Amino acid sequence: MAINIVAQNKKARHDYEILEKFEAGIVLQGSEVKALRAKRANLNDAFCRFIQGELYLMNAHIAELETTNRHFARDSRTPRKLLLHKKELLKLHNKVHKDGLTIVPLMIYFNERNFAKVSIAVAKGKKLHDKRADLKAKTLDREAKAAMKNRSF
């Protein structure tokens, strides 16, 4: 399964506890697809929101290329519709509105059939002490691996 990762949201894994992942299609214009192929996208501060029963990717930056036609120019942070099955949309809607969880985008990529996809996740916000515990665990794991690597027999 070869995927071409365009942009990742590393901050999401730090700020949120990922509970469940979904793969969604995204509605784009031709110039935006060209920009994604050139890896001109940024998911920092991006989030997902329900608007009239549809899920939209908000605040994701897809830059405009100089080589594209500017006649139909859009704002680089325009809300973009995400494509999911109806059952998945209902499941996400219930988790957000009843359980108080958040939907965050994790990455934008092209799948093996060259379709632009967005990996989204249902997430729960971490508290400060959770973030500290995760950083401490990562540091201890890194030190243990370094000690095993440098260990001589």
Protein backbone atom coordinates (compact mmCIF):
# COMPACT_ATOMS: atom_id res chain seq x y z
CA MET A 1 0.00 0.00 0.00
CA ALA A 2 1.96 2.97 -1.30
CA ILE A 3 0.68 6.35 -0.23
CA ASN A 4 2.18 9.74 -1.01
CA ILE A 5 1.94 11.90 2.12
CA VAL A 6 1.44 15.59 1.34
CA ALA A 7 1.00 17.14 4.80
CA GLN A 8 0.87 15.90 8.38
CA ASN A 9 -0.56 17.43 11.54
CA LYS A 10 2.06 16.46 14.12
CA LYS A 11 0.59 18.82 16.68
CA ALA A 12 -2.66 16.82 16.72
CA ARG A 13 -0.95 13.73 18.14
CA HIS A 14 0.60 15.88 20.86
CA ASP A 15 -2.55 17.78 21.82
CA TYR A 16 -5.13 15.00 21.43
CA GLU A 17 -5.60 11.36 22.35
CA ILE A 18 -6.58 9.61 19.09
CA LEU A 19 -9.57 7.30 19.62
CA GLU A 20 -10.67 6.26 16.12
CA LYS A 21 -9.41 7.01 12.59
CA PHE A 22 -11.33 7.50 9.34
CA GLU A 23 -10.34 8.05 5.72
CA ALA A 24 -12.26 10.76 3.87
CA GLY A 25 -12.21 12.08 0.34
CA ILE A 26 -11.90 15.81 -0.17
CA VAL A 27 -13.56 18.11 -2.71
CA LEU A 28 -10.89 20.14 -4.51
CA GLN A 29 -10.47 22.29 -7.59
CA GLY A 30 -7.87 21.39 -10.20
CA SER A 31 -5.42 24.06 -9.08
CA GLU A 32 -5.64 22.78 -5.52
CA VAL A 33 -4.81 19.25 -6.66
CA LYS A 34 -1.74 20.64 -8.44
CA ALA A 35 -0.73 22.44 -5.25
CA LEU A 36 -1.13 19.23 -3.24
CA ARG A 37 1.03 17.31 -5.72
CA ALA A 38 3.68 20.01 -5.19
CA LYS A 39 3.27 19.43 -1.41
CA ARG A 40 2.09 23.00 -0.80
CA ALA A 41 -0.29 22.26 2.06
CA ASN A 42 -0.29 22.82 5.80
CA LEU A 43 -2.59 21.29 8.42
CA ASN A 44 -1.42 23.27 11.44
CA ASP A 45 -4.45 24.67 13.29
CA ALA A 46 -6.82 22.75 10.99
CA PHE A 47 -10.01 21.20 12.35
CA CYS A 48 -13.25 19.61 11.12
CA ARG A 49 -16.73 20.98 11.67
CA PHE A 50 -20.26 19.94 10.77
CA ILE A 51 -22.14 22.52 8.70
CA GLN A 52 -25.75 21.63 7.75
CA GLY A 53 -25.12 17.91 8.23
CA GLU A 54 -21.94 17.83 6.10
CA LEU A 55 -18.38 17.59 7.40
CA TYR A 56 -15.95 20.33 6.34
CA LEU A 57 -12.19 20.72 6.73
CA MET A 58 -11.63 24.18 8.15
CA ASN A 59 -8.51 26.34 8.30
CA ALA A 60 -6.35 23.95 6.23
CA HIS A 61 -3.93 25.93 4.08
CA ILE A 62 -3.47 24.82 0.46
CA ALA A 63 -1.24 27.37 -1.26
CA GLU A 64 -1.93 28.75 -4.70
CA LEU A 65 0.63 27.95 -7.39
CA GLU A 66 1.96 30.69 -9.66
CA THR A 67 1.45 28.49 -12.74
CA THR A 68 -2.31 28.04 -12.24
CA ASN A 69 -5.14 30.15 -13.63
CA ARG A 70 -6.13 32.91 -11.19
CA HIS A 71 -9.52 33.51 -12.82
CA PHE A 72 -11.25 31.22 -10.30
CA ALA A 73 -8.92 32.01 -7.40
CA ARG A 74 -10.04 30.91 -3.94
CA ASP A 75 -8.83 31.79 -0.52
CA SER A 76 -6.14 29.33 0.58
CA ARG A 77 -8.04 28.59 3.81
CA THR A 78 -11.49 28.02 2.27
CA PRO A 79 -13.60 25.34 3.99
CA ARG A 80 -13.39 22.12 1.98
CA LYS A 81 -16.08 19.44 2.04
CA LEU A 82 -15.05 15.97 3.22
CA LEU A 83 -16.64 12.93 1.59
CA LEU A 84 -17.73 10.08 3.85
CA HIS A 85 -20.44 7.43 3.83
CA LYS A 86 -23.69 8.42 5.53
CA LYS A 87 -23.20 5.88 8.35
CA GLU A 88 -19.74 7.28 9.06
CA LEU A 89 -21.10 10.84 9.10
CA LEU A 90 -23.84 9.88 11.57
CA LYS A 91 -21.33 8.07 13.78
CA LEU A 92 -19.00 11.09 13.79
CA HIS A 93 -21.89 13.50 14.40
CA ASN A 94 -23.04 11.50 17.43
CA LYS A 95 -19.54 11.30 18.89
CA VAL A 96 -19.02 15.05 18.52
CA HIS A 97 -22.41 16.24 19.76
CA LYS A 98 -23.21 13.63 22.43
CA ASP A 99 -19.78 12.62 23.73
CA GLY A 100 -18.12 16.02 23.35
CA LEU A 101 -15.20 14.73 21.30
CA THR A 102 -13.32 16.53 18.52
CA ILE A 103 -12.56 15.64 14.91
CA VAL A 104 -9.02 16.51 13.86
CA PRO A 105 -7.27 15.99 10.51
CA LEU A 106 -4.09 13.93 10.80
CA MET A 107 -2.73 14.02 7.25
CA ILE A 108 -3.48 14.69 3.59
CA TYR A 109 -2.19 12.11 1.15
CA PHE A 110 -2.68 10.51 -2.25
CA ASN A 111 -3.67 6.84 -2.11
CA GLU A 112 -2.54 4.13 -4.54
CA ARG A 113 -5.27 5.16 -7.01
CA ASN A 114 -4.02 8.79 -6.91
CA PHE A 115 -7.07 10.17 -5.12
CA ALA A 116 -6.52 12.93 -2.57
CA LYS A 117 -7.59 11.69 0.86
CA VAL A 118 -7.66 13.14 4.35
CA SER A 119 -7.04 10.98 7.39
CA ILE A 120 -9.25 12.27 10.19
CA ALA A 121 -9.60 11.07 13.76
CA VAL A 122 -12.06 11.29 16.59
CA ALA A 123 -9.99 12.63 19.44
CA LYS A 124 -10.16 13.68 23.05
CA GLY A 125 -8.15 16.67 24.23
CA LYS A 126 -5.20 15.94 26.50
CA LYS A 127 -4.59 17.73 29.75
CA LEU A 128 -1.18 19.24 30.52
CA HIS A 129 -0.19 16.39 32.83
CA ASP A 130 -1.03 13.87 30.07
CA LYS A 131 1.26 15.69 27.64
CA ARG A 132 4.07 15.69 30.21
CA ALA A 133 3.63 11.97 30.85
CA ASP A 134 3.79 11.23 27.12
CA LEU A 135 6.97 13.29 26.72
CA LYS A 136 8.54 11.53 29.71
CA ALA A 137 7.65 8.10 28.30
CA LYS A 138 9.12 9.01 24.90
CA THR A 139 12.33 10.25 26.53
CA LEU A 140 12.70 7.09 28.62
CA ASP A 141 12.06 4.90 25.57
CA ARG A 142 14.62 6.82 23.51
CA GLU A 143 17.22 6.52 26.28
CA ALA A 144 16.55 2.78 26.64
CA LYS A 145 17.01 2.23 22.91
CA ALA A 146 20.26 4.24 22.95
CA ALA A 147 21.54 2.21 25.92
CA MET A 148 20.73 -1.07 24.16
CA LYS A 149 22.45 0.14 21.01
CA ASN A 150 25.63 1.18 22.83
CA ARG A 151 25.70 -1.95 25.02
CA SER A 152 28.70 -4.17 24.32
CA PHE A 153 28.88 -7.90 24.97
